[in-house]
Amino acid sequence: ETPGVREAALLSTCNRTELYCLTDEDCPDL
């Protein structure tokens, strides 16, 4: 539901949390 986010995935493990996003040129503040 976040404006500007076209596609996204969230990786969360004990050693890392990462967000991968395909956004519009006006990128939201991730």
mmCIF file of all heavy atoms, coordinates in Angstrom:
data_MODEL
# 
_entry.id   MODEL 
# 
loop_
_atom_site.group_PDB 
_atom_site.id 
_atom_site.type_symbol 
_atom_site.label_atom_id 
_atom_site.label_alt_id 
_atom_site.label_comp_id 
_atom_site.label_asym_id 
_atom_site.label_entity_id 
_atom_site.label_seq_id 
_atom_site.pdbx_PDB_ins_code 
_atom_site.Cartn_x 
_atom_site.Cartn_y 
_atom_site.Cartn_z 
_atom_site.occupancy 
_atom_site.B_iso_or_equiv 
_atom_site.pdbx_formal_charge 
_atom_site.auth_seq_id 
_atom_site.auth_comp_id 
_atom_site.auth_asym_id 
_atom_site.auth_atom_id 
_atom_site.pdbx_PDB_model_num 
ATOM 1   N N   . GLU A 1 1  ? 0.809  -1.220  0.000   1.00 0.00 ? 1  GLU A N   1 
ATOM 2   C CA  . GLU A 1 1  ? 0.000  0.000   0.000   1.00 0.00 ? 1  GLU A CA  1 
ATOM 3   C C   . GLU A 1 1  ? 0.845  1.275   0.000   1.00 0.00 ? 1  GLU A C   1 
ATOM 4   O O   . GLU A 1 1  ? 0.304  2.374   0.023   1.00 0.00 ? 1  GLU A O   1 
ATOM 5   C CB  . GLU A 1 1  ? -0.922 0.013   1.236   1.00 0.00 ? 1  GLU A CB  1 
ATOM 6   C CG  . GLU A 1 1  ? -1.814 -1.207  1.366   1.00 0.00 ? 1  GLU A CG  1 
ATOM 7   C CD  . GLU A 1 1  ? -2.725 -1.372  0.167   1.00 0.00 ? 1  GLU A CD  1 
ATOM 8   O OE1 . GLU A 1 1  ? -3.203 -0.343  -0.350  1.00 0.00 ? 1  GLU A OE1 1 
ATOM 9   O OE2 . GLU A 1 1  ? -2.944 -2.524  -0.268  1.00 0.00 ? 1  GLU A OE2 1 
ATOM 10  N N   . THR A 1 2  ? 2.168  1.112   -0.016  1.00 0.00 ? 2  THR A N   1 
ATOM 11  C CA  . THR A 1 2  ? 3.044  2.290   0.036   1.00 0.00 ? 2  THR A CA  1 
ATOM 12  C C   . THR A 1 2  ? 3.200  2.899   -1.352  1.00 0.00 ? 2  THR A C   1 
ATOM 13  O O   . THR A 1 2  ? 3.638  2.219   -2.281  1.00 0.00 ? 2  THR A O   1 
ATOM 14  C CB  . THR A 1 2  ? 4.435  1.893   0.586   1.00 0.00 ? 2  THR A CB  1 
ATOM 15  O OG1 . THR A 1 2  ? 4.286  1.330   1.891   1.00 0.00 ? 2  THR A OG1 1 
ATOM 16  C CG2 . THR A 1 2  ? 5.353  3.105   0.662   1.00 0.00 ? 2  THR A CG2 1 
ATOM 17  N N   . PRO A 1 3  ? 2.843  4.173   -1.543  1.00 0.00 ? 3  PRO A N   1 
ATOM 18  C CA  . PRO A 1 3  ? 2.972  4.820   -2.854  1.00 0.00 ? 3  PRO A CA  1 
ATOM 19  C C   . PRO A 1 3  ? 4.415  4.772   -3.350  1.00 0.00 ? 3  PRO A C   1 
ATOM 20  O O   . PRO A 1 3  ? 5.357  5.003   -2.591  1.00 0.00 ? 3  PRO A O   1 
ATOM 21  C CB  . PRO A 1 3  ? 2.527  6.264   -2.583  1.00 0.00 ? 3  PRO A CB  1 
ATOM 22  C CG  . PRO A 1 3  ? 1.671  6.170   -1.365  1.00 0.00 ? 3  PRO A CG  1 
ATOM 23  C CD  . PRO A 1 3  ? 2.260  5.076   -0.528  1.00 0.00 ? 3  PRO A CD  1 
ATOM 24  N N   . GLY A 1 4  ? 4.583  4.435   -4.623  1.00 0.00 ? 4  GLY A N   1 
ATOM 25  C CA  . GLY A 1 4  ? 5.915  4.403   -5.216  1.00 0.00 ? 4  GLY A CA  1 
ATOM 26  C C   . GLY A 1 4  ? 6.577  3.048   -5.198  1.00 0.00 ? 4  GLY A C   1 
ATOM 27  O O   . GLY A 1 4  ? 7.570  2.827   -5.893  1.00 0.00 ? 4  GLY A O   1 
ATOM 28  N N   . VAL A 1 5  ? 6.066  2.102   -4.404  1.00 0.00 ? 5  VAL A N   1 
ATOM 29  C CA  . VAL A 1 5  ? 6.637  0.753   -4.356  1.00 0.00 ? 5  VAL A CA  1 
ATOM 30  C C   . VAL A 1 5  ? 5.901  -0.130  -5.350  1.00 0.00 ? 5  VAL A C   1 
ATOM 31  O O   . VAL A 1 5  ? 4.696  -0.358  -5.221  1.00 0.00 ? 5  VAL A O   1 
ATOM 32  C CB  . VAL A 1 5  ? 6.545  0.148   -2.932  1.00 0.00 ? 5  VAL A CB  1 
ATOM 33  C CG1 . VAL A 1 5  ? 6.997  -1.306  -2.937  1.00 0.00 ? 5  VAL A CG1 1 
ATOM 34  C CG2 . VAL A 1 5  ? 7.381  0.959   -1.960  1.00 0.00 ? 5  VAL A CG2 1 
ATOM 35  N N   . ARG A 1 6  ? 6.611  -0.618  -6.359  1.00 0.00 ? 6  ARG A N   1 
ATOM 36  C CA  . ARG A 1 6  ? 6.010  -1.478  -7.376  1.00 0.00 ? 6  ARG A CA  1 
ATOM 37  C C   . ARG A 1 6  ? 6.091  -2.952  -6.979  1.00 0.00 ? 6  ARG A C   1 
ATOM 38  O O   . ARG A 1 6  ? 5.120  -3.695  -7.099  1.00 0.00 ? 6  ARG A O   1 
ATOM 39  C CB  . ARG A 1 6  ? 6.722  -1.278  -8.715  1.00 0.00 ? 6  ARG A CB  1 
ATOM 40  C CG  . ARG A 1 6  ? 6.569  0.115   -9.300  1.00 0.00 ? 6  ARG A CG  1 
ATOM 41  C CD  . ARG A 1 6  ? 5.124  0.394   -9.683  1.00 0.00 ? 6  ARG A CD  1 
ATOM 42  N NE  . ARG A 1 6  ? 4.981  1.652   -10.396 1.00 0.00 ? 6  ARG A NE  1 
ATOM 43  C CZ  . ARG A 1 6  ? 5.052  1.777   -11.710 1.00 0.00 ? 6  ARG A CZ  1 
ATOM 44  N NH1 . ARG A 1 6  ? 5.289  0.710   -12.460 1.00 0.00 ? 6  ARG A NH1 1 
ATOM 45  N NH2 . ARG A 1 6  ? 4.903  2.950   -12.291 1.00 0.00 ? 6  ARG A NH2 1 
ATOM 46  N N   . GLU A 1 7  ? 7.293  -3.361  -6.548  1.00 0.00 ? 7  GLU A N   1 
ATOM 47  C CA  . GLU A 1 7  ? 7.517  -4.743  -6.108  1.00 0.00 ? 7  GLU A CA  1 
ATOM 48  C C   . GLU A 1 7  ? 8.440  -4.705  -4.897  1.00 0.00 ? 7  GLU A C   1 
ATOM 49  O O   . GLU A 1 7  ? 9.253  -3.785  -4.763  1.00 0.00 ? 7  GLU A O   1 
ATOM 50  C CB  . GLU A 1 7  ? 8.149  -5.588  -7.219  1.00 0.00 ? 7  GLU A CB  1 
ATOM 51  C CG  . GLU A 1 7  ? 7.316  -5.717  -8.482  1.00 0.00 ? 7  GLU A CG  1 
ATOM 52  C CD  . GLU A 1 7  ? 8.008  -6.599  -9.516  1.00 0.00 ? 7  GLU A CD  1 
ATOM 53  O OE1 . GLU A 1 7  ? 8.174  -7.807  -9.254  1.00 0.00 ? 7  GLU A OE1 1 
ATOM 54  O OE2 . GLU A 1 7  ? 8.385  -6.073  -10.574 1.00 0.00 ? 7  GLU A OE2 1 
ATOM 55  N N   . ALA A 1 8  ? 8.335  -5.725  -4.035  1.00 0.00 ? 8  ALA A N   1 
ATOM 56  C CA  . ALA A 1 8  ? 9.170  -5.713  -2.825  1.00 0.00 ? 8  ALA A CA  1 
ATOM 57  C C   . ALA A 1 8  ? 9.271  -7.103  -2.223  1.00 0.00 ? 8  ALA A C   1 
ATOM 58  O O   . ALA A 1 8  ? 8.393  -7.954  -2.414  1.00 0.00 ? 8  ALA A O   1 
ATOM 59  C CB  . ALA A 1 8  ? 8.602  -4.743  -1.788  1.00 0.00 ? 8  ALA A CB  1 
ATOM 60  N N   . ALA A 1 9  ? 10.362 -7.327  -1.492  1.00 0.00 ? 9  ALA A N   1 
ATOM 61  C CA  . ALA A 1 9  ? 10.553 -8.567  -0.735  1.00 0.00 ? 9  ALA A CA  1 
ATOM 62  C C   . ALA A 1 9  ? 11.331 -8.221  0.529   1.00 0.00 ? 9  ALA A C   1 
ATOM 63  O O   . ALA A 1 9  ? 12.117 -7.260  0.548   1.00 0.00 ? 9  ALA A O   1 
ATOM 64  C CB  . ALA A 1 9  ? 11.306 -9.610  -1.556  1.00 0.00 ? 9  ALA A CB  1 
ATOM 65  N N   . LEU A 1 10 ? 11.114 -8.994  1.581   1.00 0.00 ? 10 LEU A N   1 
ATOM 66  C CA  . LEU A 1 10 ? 11.736 -8.747  2.877   1.00 0.00 ? 10 LEU A CA  1 
ATOM 67  C C   . LEU A 1 10 ? 12.457 -10.003 3.348   1.00 0.00 ? 10 LEU A C   1 
ATOM 68  O O   . LEU A 1 10 ? 11.851 -11.067 3.448   1.00 0.00 ? 10 LEU A O   1 
ATOM 69  C CB  . LEU A 1 10 ? 10.671 -8.341  3.899   1.00 0.00 ? 10 LEU A CB  1 
ATOM 70  C CG  . LEU A 1 10 ? 11.115 -8.153  5.354   1.00 0.00 ? 10 LEU A CG  1 
ATOM 71  C CD1 . LEU A 1 10 ? 12.101 -6.996  5.463   1.00 0.00 ? 10 LEU A CD1 1 
ATOM 72  C CD2 . LEU A 1 10 ? 9.909  -7.901  6.253   1.00 0.00 ? 10 LEU A CD2 1 
ATOM 73  N N   . LEU A 1 11 ? 13.750 -9.874  3.605   1.00 0.00 ? 11 LEU A N   1 
ATOM 74  C CA  . LEU A 1 11 ? 14.563 -10.976 4.117   1.00 0.00 ? 11 LEU A CA  1 
ATOM 75  C C   . LEU A 1 11 ? 14.916 -10.684 5.566   1.00 0.00 ? 11 LEU A C   1 
ATOM 76  O O   . LEU A 1 11 ? 15.456 -9.619  5.879   1.00 0.00 ? 11 LEU A O   1 
ATOM 77  C CB  . LEU A 1 11 ? 15.847 -11.123 3.287   1.00 0.00 ? 11 LEU A CB  1 
ATOM 78  C CG  . LEU A 1 11 ? 16.887 -12.114 3.799   1.00 0.00 ? 11 LEU A CG  1 
ATOM 79  C CD1 . LEU A 1 11 ? 16.360 -13.548 3.696   1.00 0.00 ? 11 LEU A CD1 1 
ATOM 80  C CD2 . LEU A 1 11 ? 18.203 -11.982 3.033   1.00 0.00 ? 11 LEU A CD2 1 
ATOM 81  N N   . SER A 1 12 ? 14.624 -11.637 6.467   1.00 0.00 ? 12 SER A N   1 
ATOM 82  C CA  . SER A 1 12 ? 14.935 -11.433 7.881   1.00 0.00 ? 12 SER A CA  1 
ATOM 83  C C   . SER A 1 12 ? 15.501 -12.717 8.468   1.00 0.00 ? 12 SER A C   1 
ATOM 84  O O   . SER A 1 12 ? 14.841 -13.757 8.475   1.00 0.00 ? 12 SER A O   1 
ATOM 85  C CB  . SER A 1 12 ? 13.677 -11.010 8.647   1.00 0.00 ? 12 SER A CB  1 
ATOM 86  O OG  . SER A 1 12 ? 13.981 -10.737 10.002  1.00 0.00 ? 12 SER A OG  1 
ATOM 87  N N   . THR A 1 13 ? 16.766 -12.657 8.929   1.00 0.00 ? 13 THR A N   1 
ATOM 88  C CA  . THR A 1 13 ? 17.416 -13.790 9.587   1.00 0.00 ? 13 THR A CA  1 
ATOM 89  C C   . THR A 1 13 ? 18.032 -13.282 10.882  1.00 0.00 ? 13 THR A C   1 
ATOM 90  O O   . THR A 1 13 ? 17.928 -12.099 11.216  1.00 0.00 ? 13 THR A O   1 
ATOM 91  C CB  . THR A 1 13 ? 18.514 -14.394 8.695   1.00 0.00 ? 13 THR A CB  1 
ATOM 92  O OG1 . THR A 1 13 ? 19.651 -13.498 8.673   1.00 0.00 ? 13 THR A OG1 1 
ATOM 93  C CG2 . THR A 1 13 ? 18.022 -14.597 7.262   1.00 0.00 ? 13 THR A CG2 1 
ATOM 94  N N   . CYS A 1 14 ? 18.705 -14.176 11.601  1.00 0.00 ? 14 CYS A N   1 
ATOM 95  C CA  . CYS A 1 14 ? 19.318 -13.756 12.862  1.00 0.00 ? 14 CYS A CA  1 
ATOM 96  C C   . CYS A 1 14 ? 20.476 -12.782 12.628  1.00 0.00 ? 14 CYS A C   1 
ATOM 97  O O   . CYS A 1 14 ? 20.841 -12.015 13.528  1.00 0.00 ? 14 CYS A O   1 
ATOM 98  C CB  . CYS A 1 14 ? 19.806 -14.967 13.651  1.00 0.00 ? 14 CYS A CB  1 
ATOM 99  S SG  . CYS A 1 14 ? 20.991 -15.990 12.749  1.00 0.00 ? 14 CYS A SG  1 
ATOM 100 N N   . ASN A 1 15 ? 21.058 -12.800 11.431  1.00 0.00 ? 15 ASN A N   1 
ATOM 101 C CA  . ASN A 1 15 ? 22.222 -11.958 11.164  1.00 0.00 ? 15 ASN A CA  1 
ATOM 102 C C   . ASN A 1 15 ? 21.941 -10.792 10.224  1.00 0.00 ? 15 ASN A C   1 
ATOM 103 O O   . ASN A 1 15 ? 22.827 -9.964  10.004  1.00 0.00 ? 15 ASN A O   1 
ATOM 104 C CB  . ASN A 1 15 ? 23.378 -12.790 10.588  1.00 0.00 ? 15 ASN A CB  1 
ATOM 105 C CG  . ASN A 1 15 ? 24.084 -13.583 11.660  1.00 0.00 ? 15 ASN A CG  1 
ATOM 106 O OD1 . ASN A 1 15 ? 24.234 -13.120 12.777  1.00 0.00 ? 15 ASN A OD1 1 
ATOM 107 N ND2 . ASN A 1 15 ? 24.479 -14.792 11.338  1.00 0.00 ? 15 ASN A ND2 1 
ATOM 108 N N   . ARG A 1 16 ? 20.738 -10.721 9.646   1.00 0.00 ? 16 ARG A N   1 
ATOM 109 C CA  . ARG A 1 16 ? 20.468 -9.621  8.722   1.00 0.00 ? 16 ARG A CA  1 
ATOM 110 C C   . ARG A 1 16 ? 18.975 -9.398  8.551   1.00 0.00 ? 16 ARG A C   1 
ATOM 111 O O   . ARG A 1 16 ? 18.170 -10.330 8.686   1.00 0.00 ? 16 ARG A O   1 
ATOM 112 C CB  . ARG A 1 16 ? 21.120 -9.868  7.362   1.00 0.00 ? 16 ARG A CB  1 
ATOM 113 C CG  . ARG A 1 16 ? 20.453 -10.923 6.508   1.00 0.00 ? 16 ARG A CG  1 
ATOM 114 C CD  . ARG A 1 16 ? 21.102 -11.035 5.131   1.00 0.00 ? 16 ARG A CD  1 
ATOM 115 N NE  . ARG A 1 16 ? 22.479 -11.471 5.239   1.00 0.00 ? 16 ARG A NE  1 
ATOM 116 C CZ  . ARG A 1 16 ? 23.534 -10.734 4.884   1.00 0.00 ? 16 ARG A CZ  1 
ATOM 117 N NH1 . ARG A 1 16 ? 23.343 -9.515  4.407   1.00 0.00 ? 16 ARG A NH1 1 
ATOM 118 N NH2 . ARG A 1 16 ? 24.754 -11.189 5.014   1.00 0.00 ? 16 ARG A NH2 1 
ATOM 119 N N   . THR A 1 17 ? 18.624 -8.155  8.259   1.00 0.00 ? 17 THR A N   1 
ATOM 120 C CA  . THR A 1 17 ? 17.281 -7.784  7.795   1.00 0.00 ? 17 THR A CA  1 
ATOM 121 C C   . THR A 1 17 ? 17.481 -6.903  6.582   1.00 0.00 ? 17 THR A C   1 
ATOM 122 O O   . THR A 1 17 ? 18.181 -5.881  6.661   1.00 0.00 ? 17 THR A O   1 
ATOM 123 C CB  . THR A 1 17 ? 16.495 -7.023  8.875   1.00 0.00 ? 17 THR A CB  1 
ATOM 124 O OG1 . THR A 1 17 ? 16.226 -7.895  9.974   1.00 0.00 ? 17 THR A OG1 1 
ATOM 125 C CG2 . THR A 1 17 ? 15.171 -6.522  8.318   1.00 0.00 ? 17 THR A CG2 1 
ATOM 126 N N   . GLU A 1 18 ? 16.891 -7.293  5.446   1.00 0.00 ? 18 GLU A N   1 
ATOM 127 C CA  . GLU A 1 18 ? 17.083 -6.550  4.210   1.00 0.00 ? 18 GLU A CA  1 
ATOM 128 C C   . GLU A 1 18 ? 15.765 -6.408  3.462   1.00 0.00 ? 18 GLU A C   1 
ATOM 129 O O   . GLU A 1 18 ? 14.946 -7.329  3.439   1.00 0.00 ? 18 GLU A O   1 
ATOM 130 C CB  . GLU A 1 18 ? 18.117 -7.232  3.306   1.00 0.00 ? 18 GLU A CB  1 
ATOM 131 C CG  . GLU A 1 18 ? 19.507 -7.225  3.904   1.00 0.00 ? 18 GLU A CG  1 
ATOM 132 C CD  . GLU A 1 18 ? 20.574 -7.722  2.952   1.00 0.00 ? 18 GLU A CD  1 
ATOM 133 O OE1 . GLU A 1 18 ? 20.234 -8.377  1.945   1.00 0.00 ? 18 GLU A OE1 1 
ATOM 134 O OE2 . GLU A 1 18 ? 21.754 -7.473  3.235   1.00 0.00 ? 18 GLU A OE2 1 
ATOM 135 N N   . LEU A 1 19 ? 15.618 -5.267  2.830   1.00 0.00 ? 19 LEU A N   1 
ATOM 136 C CA  . LEU A 1 19 ? 14.428 -4.943  2.055   1.00 0.00 ? 19 LEU A CA  1 
ATOM 137 C C   . LEU A 1 19 ? 14.867 -4.726  0.610   1.00 0.00 ? 19 LEU A C   1 
ATOM 138 O O   . LEU A 1 19 ? 15.790 -3.952  0.347   1.00 0.00 ? 19 LEU A O   1 
ATOM 139 C CB  . LEU A 1 19 ? 13.805 -3.665  2.620   1.00 0.00 ? 19 LEU A CB  1 
ATOM 140 C CG  . LEU A 1 19 ? 12.411 -3.246  2.168   1.00 0.00 ? 19 LEU A CG  1 
ATOM 141 C CD1 . LEU A 1 19 ? 11.396 -4.330  2.511   1.00 0.00 ? 19 LEU A CD1 1 
ATOM 142 C CD2 . LEU A 1 19 ? 12.038 -1.931  2.845   1.00 0.00 ? 19 LEU A CD2 1 
ATOM 143 N N   . TYR A 1 20 ? 14.239 -5.451  -0.319  1.00 0.00 ? 20 TYR A N   1 
ATOM 144 C CA  . TYR A 1 20 ? 14.525 -5.279  -1.739  1.00 0.00 ? 20 TYR A CA  1 
ATOM 145 C C   . TYR A 1 20 ? 13.276 -4.704  -2.402  1.00 0.00 ? 20 TYR A C   1 
ATOM 146 O O   . TYR A 1 20 ? 12.214 -5.326  -2.345  1.00 0.00 ? 20 TYR A O   1 
ATOM 147 C CB  . TYR A 1 20 ? 14.880 -6.617  -2.391  1.00 0.00 ? 20 TYR A CB  1 
ATOM 148 C CG  . TYR A 1 20 ? 15.903 -7.427  -1.620  1.00 0.00 ? 20 TYR A CG  1 
ATOM 149 C CD1 . TYR A 1 20 ? 15.587 -8.700  -1.153  1.00 0.00 ? 20 TYR A CD1 1 
ATOM 150 C CD2 . TYR A 1 20 ? 17.173 -6.923  -1.352  1.00 0.00 ? 20 TYR A CD2 1 
ATOM 151 C CE1 . TYR A 1 20 ? 16.509 -9.449  -0.448  1.00 0.00 ? 20 TYR A CE1 1 
ATOM 152 C CE2 . TYR A 1 20 ? 18.106 -7.660  -0.642  1.00 0.00 ? 20 TYR A CE2 1 
ATOM 153 C CZ  . TYR A 1 20 ? 17.766 -8.931  -0.189  1.00 0.00 ? 20 TYR A CZ  1 
ATOM 154 O OH  . TYR A 1 20 ? 18.683 -9.668  0.508   1.00 0.00 ? 20 TYR A OH  1 
ATOM 155 N N   . CYS A 1 21 ? 13.407 -3.544  -3.033  1.00 0.00 ? 21 CYS A N   1 
ATOM 156 C CA  . CYS A 1 21 ? 12.236 -2.876  -3.599  1.00 0.00 ? 21 CYS A CA  1 
ATOM 157 C C   . CYS A 1 21 ? 12.511 -2.376  -5.011  1.00 0.00 ? 21 CYS A C   1 
ATOM 158 O O   . CYS A 1 21 ? 13.603 -1.868  -5.305  1.00 0.00 ? 21 CYS A O   1 
ATOM 159 C CB  . CYS A 1 21 ? 11.830 -1.678  -2.744  1.00 0.00 ? 21 CYS A CB  1 
ATOM 160 S SG  . CYS A 1 21 ? 11.106 -2.109  -1.165  1.00 0.00 ? 21 CYS A SG  1 
ATOM 161 N N   . LEU A 1 22 ? 11.513 -2.521  -5.842  1.00 0.00 ? 22 LEU A N   1 
ATOM 162 C CA  . LEU A 1 22 ? 11.497 -1.891  -7.151  1.00 0.00 ? 22 LEU A CA  1 
ATOM 163 C C   . LEU A 1 22 ? 10.534 -0.715  -7.029  1.00 0.00 ? 22 LEU A C   1 
ATOM 164 O O   . LEU A 1 22 ? 9.347  -0.907  -6.741  1.00 0.00 ? 22 LEU A O   1 
ATOM 165 C CB  . LEU A 1 22 ? 11.020 -2.872  -8.212  1.00 0.00 ? 22 LEU A CB  1 
ATOM 166 C CG  . LEU A 1 22 ? 11.357 -2.531  -9.663  1.00 0.00 ? 22 LEU A CG  1 
ATOM 167 C CD1 . LEU A 1 22 ? 12.866 -2.539  -9.864  1.00 0.00 ? 22 LEU A CD1 1 
ATOM 168 C CD2 . LEU A 1 22 ? 10.703 -3.522  -10.606 1.00 0.00 ? 22 LEU A CD2 1 
ATOM 169 N N   . THR A 1 23 ? 11.052 0.489   -7.209  1.00 0.00 ? 23 THR A N   1 
ATOM 170 C CA  . THR A 1 23 ? 10.261 1.688   -6.922  1.00 0.00 ? 23 THR A CA  1 
ATOM 171 C C   . THR A 1 23 ? 10.161 2.589   -8.148  1.00 0.00 ? 23 THR A C   1 
ATOM 172 O O   . THR A 1 23 ? 10.928 2.458   -9.110  1.00 0.00 ? 23 THR A O   1 
ATOM 173 C CB  . THR A 1 23 ? 10.894 2.496   -5.773  1.00 0.00 ? 23 THR A CB  1 
ATOM 174 O OG1 . THR A 1 23 ? 12.117 3.092   -6.243  1.00 0.00 ? 23 THR A OG1 1 
ATOM 175 C CG2 . THR A 1 23 ? 11.180 1.614   -4.579  1.00 0.00 ? 23 THR A CG2 1 
ATOM 176 N N   . ASP A 1 24 ? 9.226  3.527   -8.087  1.00 0.00 ? 24 ASP A N   1 
ATOM 177 C CA  . ASP A 1 24 ? 9.162  4.584   -9.085  1.00 0.00 ? 24 ASP A CA  1 
ATOM 178 C C   . ASP A 1 24 ? 10.365 5.506   -8.909  1.00 0.00 ? 24 ASP A C   1 
ATOM 179 O O   . ASP A 1 24 ? 11.103 5.413   -7.925  1.00 0.00 ? 24 ASP A O   1 
ATOM 180 C CB  . ASP A 1 24 ? 7.867  5.389   -8.915  1.00 0.00 ? 24 ASP A CB  1 
ATOM 181 C CG  . ASP A 1 24 ? 6.633  4.561   -9.272  1.00 0.00 ? 24 ASP A CG  1 
ATOM 182 O OD1 . ASP A 1 24 ? 6.763  3.639   -10.097 1.00 0.00 ? 24 ASP A OD1 1 
ATOM 183 O OD2 . ASP A 1 24 ? 5.549  4.838   -8.715  1.00 0.00 ? 24 ASP A OD2 1 
ATOM 184 N N   . GLU A 1 25 ? 10.548 6.405   -9.874  1.00 0.00 ? 25 GLU A N   1 
ATOM 185 C CA  . GLU A 1 25 ? 11.671 7.349   -9.777  1.00 0.00 ? 25 GLU A CA  1 
ATOM 186 C C   . GLU A 1 25 ? 11.577 8.178   -8.493  1.00 0.00 ? 25 GLU A C   1 
ATOM 187 O O   . GLU A 1 25 ? 12.565 8.484   -7.867  1.00 0.00 ? 25 GLU A O   1 
ATOM 188 C CB  . GLU A 1 25 ? 11.698 8.261   -11.001 1.00 0.00 ? 25 GLU A CB  1 
ATOM 189 C CG  . GLU A 1 25 ? 12.116 7.554   -12.284 1.00 0.00 ? 25 GLU A CG  1 
ATOM 190 C CD  . GLU A 1 25 ? 13.492 6.923   -12.184 1.00 0.00 ? 25 GLU A CD  1 
ATOM 191 O OE1 . GLU A 1 25 ? 14.386 7.518   -11.544 1.00 0.00 ? 25 GLU A OE1 1 
ATOM 192 O OE2 . GLU A 1 25 ? 13.680 5.821   -12.739 1.00 0.00 ? 25 GLU A OE2 1 
ATOM 193 N N   . ASP A 1 26 ? 10.347 8.556   -8.123  1.00 0.00 ? 26 ASP A N   1 
ATOM 194 C CA  . ASP A 1 26 ? 10.141 9.242   -6.840  1.00 0.00 ? 26 ASP A CA  1 
ATOM 195 C C   . ASP A 1 26 ? 10.081 8.179   -5.747  1.00 0.00 ? 26 ASP A C   1 
ATOM 196 O O   . ASP A 1 26 ? 9.014  7.731   -5.341  1.00 0.00 ? 26 ASP A O   1 
ATOM 197 C CB  . ASP A 1 26 ? 8.845  10.057  -6.875  1.00 0.00 ? 26 ASP A CB  1 
ATOM 198 C CG  . ASP A 1 26 ? 8.916  11.182  -7.881  1.00 0.00 ? 26 ASP A CG  1 
ATOM 199 O OD1 . ASP A 1 26 ? 10.030 11.677  -8.110  1.00 0.00 ? 26 ASP A OD1 1 
ATOM 200 O OD2 . ASP A 1 26 ? 7.865  11.547  -8.440  1.00 0.00 ? 26 ASP A OD2 1 
ATOM 201 N N   . CYS A 1 27 ? 11.273 7.772   -5.302  1.00 0.00 ? 27 CYS A N   1 
ATOM 202 C CA  . CYS A 1 27 ? 11.381 6.650   -4.364  1.00 0.00 ? 27 CYS A CA  1 
ATOM 203 C C   . CYS A 1 27 ? 10.851 7.031   -2.982  1.00 0.00 ? 27 CYS A C   1 
ATOM 204 O O   . CYS A 1 27 ? 11.212 8.089   -2.447  1.00 0.00 ? 27 CYS A O   1 
ATOM 205 C CB  . CYS A 1 27 ? 12.842 6.221   -4.252  1.00 0.00 ? 27 CYS A CB  1 
ATOM 206 S SG  . CYS A 1 27 ? 13.125 4.878   -3.090  1.00 0.00 ? 27 CYS A SG  1 
ATOM 207 N N   . PRO A 1 28 ? 10.005 6.197   -2.388  1.00 0.00 ? 28 PRO A N   1 
ATOM 208 C CA  . PRO A 1 28 ? 9.553  6.465   -1.019  1.00 0.00 ? 28 PRO A CA  1 
ATOM 209 C C   . PRO A 1 28 ? 10.714 6.338   -0.035  1.00 0.00 ? 28 PRO A C   1 
ATOM 210 O O   . PRO A 1 28 ? 11.734 5.708   -0.342  1.00 0.00 ? 28 PRO A O   1 
ATOM 211 C CB  . PRO A 1 28 ? 8.498  5.375   -0.782  1.00 0.00 ? 28 PRO A CB  1 
ATOM 212 C CG  . PRO A 1 28 ? 8.849  4.283   -1.726  1.00 0.00 ? 28 PRO A CG  1 
ATOM 213 C CD  . PRO A 1 28 ? 9.428  4.943   -2.938  1.00 0.00 ? 28 PRO A CD  1 
ATOM 214 N N   . ASP A 1 29 ? 10.559 6.915   1.134   1.00 0.00 ? 29 ASP A N   1 
ATOM 215 C CA  . ASP A 1 29 ? 11.610 6.878   2.160   1.00 0.00 ? 29 ASP A CA  1 
ATOM 216 C C   . ASP A 1 29 ? 11.548 5.540   2.892   1.00 0.00 ? 29 ASP A C   1 
ATOM 217 O O   . ASP A 1 29 ? 10.821 5.378   3.872   1.00 0.00 ? 29 ASP A O   1 
ATOM 218 C CB  . ASP A 1 29 ? 11.416 8.035   3.137   1.00 0.00 ? 29 ASP A CB  1 
ATOM 219 C CG  . ASP A 1 29 ? 12.619 8.211   4.041   1.00 0.00 ? 29 ASP A CG  1 
ATOM 220 O OD1 . ASP A 1 29 ? 13.371 7.237   4.216   1.00 0.00 ? 29 ASP A OD1 1 
ATOM 221 O OD2 . ASP A 1 29 ? 12.801 9.313   4.567   1.00 0.00 ? 29 ASP A OD2 1 
ATOM 222 N N   . LEU A 1 30 ? 12.332 4.570   2.399   1.00 0.00 ? 30 LEU A N   1 
ATOM 223 C CA  . LEU A 1 30 ? 12.307 3.228   2.977   1.00 0.00 ? 30 LEU A CA  1 
ATOM 224 C C   . LEU A 1 30 ? 12.964 3.184   4.350   1.00 0.00 ? 30 LEU A C   1 
ATOM 225 O O   . LEU A 1 30 ? 12.618 2.337   5.179   1.00 0.00 ? 30 LEU A O   1 
ATOM 226 C CB  . LEU A 1 30 ? 12.991 2.246   2.021   1.00 0.00 ? 30 LEU A CB  1 
ATOM 227 C CG  . LEU A 1 30 ? 12.299 2.077   0.657   1.00 0.00 ? 30 LEU A CG  1 
ATOM 228 C CD1 . LEU A 1 30 ? 13.135 1.200   -0.261  1.00 0.00 ? 30 LEU A CD1 1 
ATOM 229 C CD2 . LEU A 1 30 ? 10.903 1.479   0.833   1.00 0.00 ? 30 LEU A CD2 1 
# 
